[in-house]
């Protein structure tokens, strides 16, 4: 059984047309948004993302990235999605710049739940039709509906 994205993603954790210059600025932007939703300090979120990124790029391919990390002080897995207005270099496995980013933050002890959330997001990001719809969505509400709707449909 996979985690439904609606269980880890709220409508206020989705942003469209975010402009950032590079991966560092992206992580800062994600951390500020995620801090607002989780109560964690933005600097702690950036540190968790950078620590994971040192192990290898979380650039998933096809213009997508799934930066993720674990942090103390969380009681569940949290998701945060942004669509960038202009793709940035992310050091992705296929070398393509990234414009669709799904941040996952998990409690430090969330072994299986963290992996299930990663699997759910990566499954959505492997579907070319889903990616095309995410890139074509006109608003953050449309993005949110796609993200939770696609996952709900897959689980049915």
N, C-alpha and C. Protein backbone atom coordinates (compact mmCIF):
# COMPACT_ATOMS: atom_id res chain seq x y z
N UNK A 1 0.84 -1.19 0.00
CA UNK A 1 0.00 0.00 0.00
C UNK A 1 0.88 1.25 0.00
N UNK A 2 0.53 2.22 -0.81
CA UNK A 2 1.31 3.45 -0.87
C UNK A 2 0.61 4.56 -0.10
N UNK A 3 1.37 5.55 0.27
CA UNK A 3 0.80 6.72 0.91
C UNK A 3 0.13 7.57 -0.16
N UNK A 4 -1.13 7.93 0.05
CA UNK A 4 -1.85 8.82 -0.85
C UNK A 4 -1.22 10.21 -0.69
N UNK A 5 -0.93 10.88 -1.78
CA UNK A 5 -0.31 12.20 -1.69
C UNK A 5 -1.19 13.19 -0.95
N UNK A 6 -2.50 12.98 -0.93
CA UNK A 6 -3.36 13.90 -0.18
C UNK A 6 -3.10 13.80 1.32
N UNK A 7 -2.50 12.70 1.76
CA UNK A 7 -2.17 12.55 3.17
C UNK A 7 -0.92 13.29 3.58
N UNK A 8 -0.09 13.69 2.62
CA UNK A 8 1.15 14.39 2.95
C UNK A 8 1.24 15.77 2.31
N UNK A 9 0.25 16.10 1.47
CA UNK A 9 0.30 17.36 0.73
C UNK A 9 -0.99 18.13 0.96
N UNK A 10 -0.86 19.40 1.37
CA UNK A 10 -2.03 20.26 1.52
C UNK A 10 -2.00 21.32 0.42
N UNK A 11 -3.14 21.93 0.17
CA UNK A 11 -3.21 22.90 -0.94
C UNK A 11 -2.29 24.09 -0.71
N UNK A 12 -2.00 24.42 0.55
CA UNK A 12 -1.09 25.55 0.80
C UNK A 12 0.38 25.11 0.74
N UNK A 13 0.63 23.87 0.36
CA UNK A 13 2.00 23.36 0.17
C UNK A 13 2.29 23.16 -1.31
N UNK A 14 1.56 23.88 -2.16
CA UNK A 14 1.75 23.80 -3.62
C UNK A 14 1.93 25.21 -4.15
N UNK A 15 2.96 25.40 -4.97
CA UNK A 15 3.22 26.70 -5.58
C UNK A 15 3.48 26.54 -7.06
N UNK A 16 2.98 27.49 -7.84
CA UNK A 16 3.20 27.50 -9.29
C UNK A 16 4.06 28.71 -9.66
N UNK A 17 4.85 28.55 -10.72
CA UNK A 17 5.63 29.65 -11.30
C UNK A 17 6.58 30.32 -10.31
N UNK A 18 7.32 29.50 -9.59
CA UNK A 18 8.34 29.97 -8.65
C UNK A 18 9.61 30.28 -9.43
N UNK A 19 10.18 31.44 -9.18
CA UNK A 19 11.42 31.83 -9.86
C UNK A 19 12.59 31.75 -8.89
N UNK A 20 13.55 30.88 -9.19
CA UNK A 20 14.79 30.77 -8.42
C UNK A 20 15.94 30.65 -9.41
N UNK A 21 17.12 31.09 -8.99
CA UNK A 21 18.27 31.12 -9.89
C UNK A 21 19.02 29.80 -9.95
N UNK A 22 19.00 29.04 -8.84
CA UNK A 22 19.81 27.83 -8.76
C UNK A 22 19.29 26.91 -7.65
N UNK A 23 19.97 25.78 -7.48
CA UNK A 23 19.54 24.78 -6.49
C UNK A 23 19.60 25.35 -5.07
N UNK A 24 20.62 26.13 -4.77
CA UNK A 24 20.74 26.71 -3.42
C UNK A 24 19.54 27.61 -3.12
N UNK A 25 19.18 28.46 -4.09
CA UNK A 25 18.03 29.35 -3.90
C UNK A 25 16.73 28.55 -3.82
N UNK A 26 16.63 27.47 -4.58
CA UNK A 26 15.46 26.60 -4.52
C UNK A 26 15.32 25.99 -3.13
N UNK A 27 16.40 25.44 -2.61
CA UNK A 27 16.35 24.83 -1.27
C UNK A 27 15.94 25.86 -0.22
N UNK A 28 16.44 27.10 -0.35
CA UNK A 28 16.08 28.17 0.58
C UNK A 28 14.57 28.45 0.48
N UNK A 29 14.07 28.54 -0.75
CA UNK A 29 12.65 28.81 -0.97
C UNK A 29 11.79 27.67 -0.40
N UNK A 30 12.17 26.44 -0.71
CA UNK A 30 11.43 25.28 -0.19
C UNK A 30 11.44 25.26 1.33
N UNK A 31 12.60 25.55 1.91
CA UNK A 31 12.73 25.50 3.37
C UNK A 31 11.85 26.55 4.05
N UNK A 32 11.77 27.73 3.48
CA UNK A 32 10.93 28.78 4.06
C UNK A 32 9.46 28.37 4.01
N UNK A 33 9.03 27.84 2.87
CA UNK A 33 7.64 27.38 2.76
C UNK A 33 7.35 26.20 3.67
N UNK A 34 8.26 25.25 3.72
CA UNK A 34 8.05 24.07 4.56
C UNK A 34 8.12 24.44 6.04
N UNK A 35 8.96 25.39 6.40
CA UNK A 35 9.05 25.83 7.79
C UNK A 35 7.72 26.43 8.24
N UNK A 36 7.10 27.20 7.35
CA UNK A 36 5.80 27.81 7.66
C UNK A 36 4.75 26.73 7.96
N UNK A 37 4.83 25.61 7.26
CA UNK A 37 3.83 24.55 7.42
C UNK A 37 4.15 23.57 8.54
N UNK A 38 5.43 23.37 8.82
CA UNK A 38 5.81 22.34 9.79
C UNK A 38 6.22 22.89 11.15
N UNK A 39 6.59 24.17 11.21
CA UNK A 39 7.08 24.73 12.45
C UNK A 39 8.57 24.52 12.68
N UNK A 40 9.21 23.80 11.75
CA UNK A 40 10.66 23.61 11.85
C UNK A 40 11.38 24.88 11.42
N UNK A 41 12.63 25.02 11.83
CA UNK A 41 13.43 26.16 11.40
C UNK A 41 13.89 25.94 9.96
N UNK A 42 13.79 26.98 9.13
CA UNK A 42 14.19 26.87 7.73
C UNK A 42 15.63 26.41 7.60
N UNK A 43 16.52 26.89 8.46
CA UNK A 43 17.93 26.51 8.36
C UNK A 43 18.13 25.02 8.62
N UNK A 44 17.29 24.43 9.49
CA UNK A 44 17.38 22.99 9.75
C UNK A 44 16.90 22.18 8.54
N UNK A 45 15.89 22.70 7.84
CA UNK A 45 15.39 22.03 6.64
C UNK A 45 16.45 22.08 5.54
N UNK A 46 17.06 23.26 5.34
CA UNK A 46 18.13 23.39 4.34
C UNK A 46 19.28 22.44 4.67
N UNK A 47 19.64 22.35 5.95
CA UNK A 47 20.73 21.45 6.36
C UNK A 47 20.39 20.00 6.04
N UNK A 48 19.13 19.59 6.29
CA UNK A 48 18.71 18.21 6.00
C UNK A 48 18.76 17.94 4.50
N UNK A 49 18.30 18.90 3.69
CA UNK A 49 18.31 18.73 2.24
C UNK A 49 19.73 18.67 1.70
N UNK A 50 20.60 19.55 2.19
CA UNK A 50 21.99 19.55 1.73
C UNK A 50 22.72 18.28 2.14
N UNK A 51 22.43 17.77 3.35
CA UNK A 51 23.07 16.53 3.81
C UNK A 51 22.68 15.37 2.88
N UNK A 52 21.41 15.30 2.50
CA UNK A 52 20.97 14.24 1.59
C UNK A 52 21.55 14.43 0.20
N UNK A 53 21.62 15.66 -0.26
CA UNK A 53 22.10 15.94 -1.61
C UNK A 53 23.59 15.59 -1.75
N UNK A 54 24.33 15.65 -0.64
CA UNK A 54 25.75 15.28 -0.68
C UNK A 54 25.95 13.80 -1.03
N UNK A 55 24.93 12.99 -0.76
CA UNK A 55 25.00 11.56 -1.08
C UNK A 55 24.79 11.31 -2.57
N UNK A 56 24.23 12.29 -3.26
CA UNK A 56 23.93 12.18 -4.69
C UNK A 56 22.73 13.04 -5.01
N UNK A 57 22.67 13.50 -6.23
CA UNK A 57 21.58 14.39 -6.62
C UNK A 57 20.22 13.69 -6.48
N UNK A 58 19.24 14.45 -6.01
CA UNK A 58 17.87 13.95 -5.95
C UNK A 58 17.11 14.37 -7.21
N UNK A 59 17.85 14.81 -8.22
CA UNK A 59 17.27 15.06 -9.54
C UNK A 59 16.85 13.73 -10.12
N UNK A 60 15.56 13.54 -10.34
CA UNK A 60 14.98 12.24 -10.66
C UNK A 60 15.02 11.95 -12.16
N UNK A 61 15.14 12.99 -12.98
CA UNK A 61 15.11 12.82 -14.42
C UNK A 61 13.83 13.39 -15.00
N UNK A 62 13.84 13.64 -16.33
CA UNK A 62 12.68 14.19 -17.05
C UNK A 62 12.24 15.54 -16.49
N UNK A 63 13.20 16.32 -15.96
CA UNK A 63 12.88 17.64 -15.46
C UNK A 63 12.29 17.66 -14.07
N UNK A 64 12.45 16.57 -13.31
CA UNK A 64 11.87 16.48 -11.98
C UNK A 64 12.96 16.25 -10.92
N UNK A 65 12.64 16.64 -9.70
CA UNK A 65 13.53 16.39 -8.56
C UNK A 65 12.68 16.09 -7.33
N UNK A 66 13.22 15.24 -6.48
CA UNK A 66 12.54 14.89 -5.23
C UNK A 66 13.52 15.08 -4.07
N UNK A 67 13.86 16.35 -3.76
CA UNK A 67 14.73 16.56 -2.60
C UNK A 67 14.00 16.07 -1.34
N UNK A 68 14.73 15.42 -0.46
CA UNK A 68 14.09 14.88 0.73
C UNK A 68 15.07 14.82 1.88
N UNK A 69 14.50 14.79 3.07
CA UNK A 69 15.33 14.70 4.26
C UNK A 69 14.49 14.32 5.45
N UNK A 70 15.19 14.00 6.53
CA UNK A 70 14.52 13.65 7.78
C UNK A 70 14.90 14.69 8.82
N UNK A 71 13.95 14.97 9.71
CA UNK A 71 14.19 15.99 10.72
C UNK A 71 13.48 15.65 12.01
N UNK A 72 14.10 15.99 13.12
CA UNK A 72 13.46 15.85 14.43
C UNK A 72 12.35 16.90 14.52
N UNK A 73 11.31 16.57 15.26
CA UNK A 73 10.24 17.53 15.48
C UNK A 73 9.04 17.36 14.56
N UNK A 74 9.09 16.39 13.67
CA UNK A 74 7.93 16.12 12.80
C UNK A 74 7.19 14.90 13.32
N UNK A 75 5.87 14.90 13.15
CA UNK A 75 5.09 13.74 13.58
C UNK A 75 4.58 12.93 12.40
N UNK A 76 4.81 13.43 11.17
CA UNK A 76 4.38 12.72 9.97
C UNK A 76 5.20 13.21 8.78
N UNK A 77 5.06 12.53 7.65
CA UNK A 77 5.71 12.94 6.41
C UNK A 77 4.96 14.15 5.85
N UNK A 78 5.72 15.15 5.43
CA UNK A 78 5.15 16.36 4.82
C UNK A 78 5.67 16.50 3.40
N UNK A 79 4.79 16.91 2.48
CA UNK A 79 5.19 17.19 1.11
C UNK A 79 5.03 18.66 0.79
N UNK A 80 5.83 19.13 -0.16
CA UNK A 80 5.77 20.52 -0.62
C UNK A 80 6.16 20.51 -2.09
N UNK A 81 5.26 20.96 -2.96
CA UNK A 81 5.49 20.90 -4.39
C UNK A 81 5.62 22.29 -4.99
N UNK A 82 6.63 22.47 -5.86
CA UNK A 82 6.74 23.72 -6.62
C UNK A 82 6.99 23.42 -8.09
N UNK A 83 6.37 24.24 -8.92
CA UNK A 83 6.68 24.23 -10.35
C UNK A 83 7.43 25.53 -10.61
N UNK A 84 8.63 25.38 -11.16
CA UNK A 84 9.48 26.54 -11.42
C UNK A 84 9.07 27.22 -12.72
N UNK A 85 9.19 28.54 -12.75
CA UNK A 85 8.86 29.27 -13.97
C UNK A 85 9.91 29.04 -15.04
N UNK A 86 11.17 28.85 -14.61
CA UNK A 86 12.27 28.55 -15.52
C UNK A 86 13.07 27.39 -14.94
N UNK A 87 13.31 26.34 -15.72
CA UNK A 87 14.07 25.19 -15.19
C UNK A 87 15.49 25.59 -14.76
N UNK A 88 16.00 24.90 -13.74
CA UNK A 88 17.35 25.16 -13.23
C UNK A 88 18.19 23.88 -13.31
N UNK A 89 19.50 24.06 -13.35
CA UNK A 89 20.41 22.92 -13.30
C UNK A 89 20.32 22.30 -11.91
N UNK A 90 20.18 21.00 -11.87
CA UNK A 90 20.02 20.31 -10.58
C UNK A 90 21.00 19.15 -10.45
N UNK A 91 21.81 18.90 -11.49
CA UNK A 91 22.69 17.75 -11.44
C UNK A 91 21.89 16.45 -11.51
N UNK A 92 20.78 16.47 -12.25
CA UNK A 92 19.90 15.30 -12.34
C UNK A 92 20.59 14.15 -13.07
N UNK A 93 20.09 12.95 -12.86
CA UNK A 93 20.70 11.75 -13.44
C UNK A 93 20.77 11.82 -14.96
N UNK A 94 19.79 12.47 -15.60
CA UNK A 94 19.80 12.56 -17.06
C UNK A 94 20.38 13.87 -17.58
N UNK A 95 20.85 14.73 -16.67
CA UNK A 95 21.47 15.99 -17.07
C UNK A 95 20.49 17.09 -17.46
N UNK A 96 19.19 16.79 -17.47
CA UNK A 96 18.21 17.80 -17.86
C UNK A 96 17.92 18.77 -16.71
N UNK A 97 17.65 20.04 -17.04
CA UNK A 97 17.28 20.99 -15.99
C UNK A 97 15.92 20.61 -15.40
N UNK A 98 15.68 21.07 -14.17
CA UNK A 98 14.51 20.67 -13.39
C UNK A 98 13.51 21.82 -13.28
N UNK A 99 12.22 21.50 -13.48
CA UNK A 99 11.18 22.50 -13.26
C UNK A 99 10.05 22.01 -12.35
N UNK A 100 10.00 20.71 -12.05
CA UNK A 100 9.00 20.15 -11.15
C UNK A 100 9.71 19.56 -9.94
N UNK A 101 9.38 20.07 -8.75
CA UNK A 101 10.10 19.69 -7.54
C UNK A 101 9.12 19.30 -6.45
N UNK A 102 9.32 18.11 -5.90
CA UNK A 102 8.49 17.65 -4.78
C UNK A 102 9.41 17.41 -3.59
N UNK A 103 9.30 18.27 -2.59
CA UNK A 103 10.08 18.14 -1.36
C UNK A 103 9.36 17.20 -0.41
N UNK A 104 10.11 16.27 0.17
CA UNK A 104 9.57 15.38 1.20
C UNK A 104 10.37 15.58 2.48
N UNK A 105 9.68 15.84 3.56
CA UNK A 105 10.30 15.92 4.89
C UNK A 105 9.64 14.88 5.78
N UNK A 106 10.45 14.08 6.42
CA UNK A 106 9.94 12.98 7.24
C UNK A 106 10.51 13.06 8.64
N UNK A 107 9.76 12.50 9.61
CA UNK A 107 10.34 12.39 10.96
C UNK A 107 11.61 11.54 10.92
N UNK A 108 12.50 11.80 11.83
CA UNK A 108 13.79 11.08 11.86
C UNK A 108 13.63 9.57 11.91
N UNK A 109 12.55 9.11 12.55
CA UNK A 109 12.35 7.66 12.72
C UNK A 109 11.38 7.07 11.69
N UNK A 110 11.05 7.81 10.63
CA UNK A 110 10.05 7.35 9.64
C UNK A 110 10.71 6.53 8.55
N UNK A 111 11.04 5.29 8.83
CA UNK A 111 11.68 4.45 7.83
C UNK A 111 10.75 4.08 6.69
N UNK A 112 9.76 3.25 6.97
CA UNK A 112 8.87 2.75 5.93
C UNK A 112 7.99 3.86 5.34
N UNK A 113 7.46 4.75 6.18
CA UNK A 113 6.60 5.82 5.67
C UNK A 113 7.37 6.74 4.73
N UNK A 114 8.62 7.01 5.04
CA UNK A 114 9.46 7.85 4.18
C UNK A 114 9.65 7.18 2.81
N UNK A 115 9.96 5.89 2.84
CA UNK A 115 10.16 5.15 1.59
C UNK A 115 8.88 5.04 0.77
N UNK A 116 7.74 4.85 1.44
CA UNK A 116 6.46 4.77 0.73
C UNK A 116 6.14 6.12 0.07
N UNK A 117 6.41 7.21 0.78
CA UNK A 117 6.15 8.54 0.21
C UNK A 117 7.05 8.77 -1.00
N UNK A 118 8.32 8.42 -0.88
CA UNK A 118 9.25 8.54 -2.02
C UNK A 118 8.76 7.72 -3.21
N UNK A 119 8.29 6.52 -2.95
CA UNK A 119 7.79 5.66 -4.03
C UNK A 119 6.57 6.27 -4.70
N UNK A 120 5.67 6.84 -3.91
CA UNK A 120 4.46 7.46 -4.47
C UNK A 120 4.81 8.63 -5.38
N UNK A 121 5.72 9.49 -4.92
CA UNK A 121 6.10 10.65 -5.72
C UNK A 121 6.85 10.21 -6.97
N UNK A 122 7.78 9.26 -6.82
CA UNK A 122 8.55 8.83 -7.98
C UNK A 122 7.66 8.15 -9.01
N UNK A 123 6.63 7.43 -8.56
CA UNK A 123 5.69 6.81 -9.49
C UNK A 123 4.95 7.88 -10.28
N UNK A 124 4.51 8.93 -9.61
CA UNK A 124 3.82 10.04 -10.30
C UNK A 124 4.77 10.71 -11.29
N UNK A 125 6.03 10.88 -10.91
CA UNK A 125 7.02 11.56 -11.75
C UNK A 125 7.50 10.69 -12.92
N UNK A 126 7.25 9.40 -12.87
CA UNK A 126 7.62 8.53 -13.99
C UNK A 126 6.57 8.54 -15.10
N UNK A 127 5.37 9.04 -14.78
CA UNK A 127 4.26 9.04 -15.74
C UNK A 127 4.34 10.30 -16.60
N UNK A 128 4.66 10.12 -17.88
CA UNK A 128 4.84 11.26 -18.79
C UNK A 128 3.57 12.11 -18.92
N UNK A 129 2.40 11.46 -18.90
CA UNK A 129 1.15 12.22 -18.99
C UNK A 129 0.96 13.10 -17.78
N UNK A 130 1.27 12.56 -16.60
CA UNK A 130 1.16 13.35 -15.37
C UNK A 130 2.09 14.56 -15.44
N UNK A 131 3.32 14.35 -15.90
CA UNK A 131 4.27 15.46 -16.01
C UNK A 131 3.75 16.53 -16.96
N UNK A 132 3.20 16.10 -18.09
CA UNK A 132 2.66 17.07 -19.07
C UNK A 132 1.52 17.86 -18.44
N UNK A 133 0.66 17.19 -17.69
CA UNK A 133 -0.46 17.88 -17.04
C UNK A 133 0.04 18.86 -15.98
N UNK A 134 1.06 18.46 -15.21
CA UNK A 134 1.61 19.35 -14.19
C UNK A 134 2.23 20.59 -14.83
N UNK A 135 2.90 20.39 -15.95
CA UNK A 135 3.51 21.53 -16.63
C UNK A 135 2.47 22.44 -17.29
N UNK A 136 1.32 21.87 -17.65
CA UNK A 136 0.28 22.65 -18.32
C UNK A 136 -0.74 23.26 -17.38
N UNK A 137 -0.73 22.87 -16.12
CA UNK A 137 -1.72 23.38 -15.16
C UNK A 137 -1.59 24.90 -15.02
N UNK A 138 -2.71 25.58 -14.98
CA UNK A 138 -2.69 27.05 -14.98
C UNK A 138 -2.62 27.67 -13.59
N UNK A 139 -2.87 26.90 -12.55
CA UNK A 139 -2.90 27.48 -11.20
C UNK A 139 -2.39 26.48 -10.18
N UNK A 140 -2.12 26.99 -8.97
CA UNK A 140 -1.70 26.08 -7.89
C UNK A 140 -2.83 25.14 -7.50
N UNK A 141 -4.09 25.61 -7.62
CA UNK A 141 -5.22 24.73 -7.32
C UNK A 141 -5.29 23.57 -8.31
N UNK A 142 -5.03 23.87 -9.58
CA UNK A 142 -5.02 22.81 -10.60
C UNK A 142 -3.88 21.83 -10.34
N UNK A 143 -2.71 22.35 -9.95
CA UNK A 143 -1.58 21.49 -9.61
C UNK A 143 -1.94 20.57 -8.44
N UNK A 144 -2.53 21.15 -7.40
CA UNK A 144 -2.90 20.36 -6.23
C UNK A 144 -3.89 19.25 -6.61
N UNK A 145 -4.90 19.60 -7.41
CA UNK A 145 -5.91 18.61 -7.83
C UNK A 145 -5.25 17.48 -8.62
N UNK A 146 -4.31 17.82 -9.48
CA UNK A 146 -3.60 16.80 -10.24
C UNK A 146 -2.79 15.89 -9.32
N UNK A 147 -2.08 16.49 -8.38
CA UNK A 147 -1.20 15.70 -7.51
C UNK A 147 -2.00 14.74 -6.63
N UNK A 148 -3.08 15.20 -6.04
CA UNK A 148 -3.83 14.30 -5.17
C UNK A 148 -4.77 13.42 -5.99
N UNK A 149 -5.27 13.94 -7.12
CA UNK A 149 -6.19 13.17 -7.96
C UNK A 149 -5.49 12.01 -8.64
N UNK A 150 -4.28 12.26 -9.17
CA UNK A 150 -3.53 11.20 -9.85
C UNK A 150 -3.23 10.06 -8.88
N UNK A 151 -2.83 10.42 -7.69
CA UNK A 151 -2.46 9.40 -6.71
C UNK A 151 -3.69 8.61 -6.28
N UNK A 152 -4.82 9.31 -6.07
CA UNK A 152 -6.03 8.62 -5.65
C UNK A 152 -6.49 7.64 -6.71
N UNK A 153 -6.39 8.06 -7.97
CA UNK A 153 -6.81 7.21 -9.09
C UNK A 153 -5.92 5.97 -9.17
N UNK A 154 -4.60 6.16 -8.96
CA UNK A 154 -3.68 5.02 -9.04
C UNK A 154 -3.94 4.00 -7.93
N UNK A 155 -4.36 4.49 -6.78
CA UNK A 155 -4.56 3.59 -5.65
C UNK A 155 -5.88 2.82 -5.77
N UNK A 156 -6.78 3.32 -6.58
CA UNK A 156 -8.11 2.69 -6.71
C UNK A 156 -8.04 1.37 -7.46
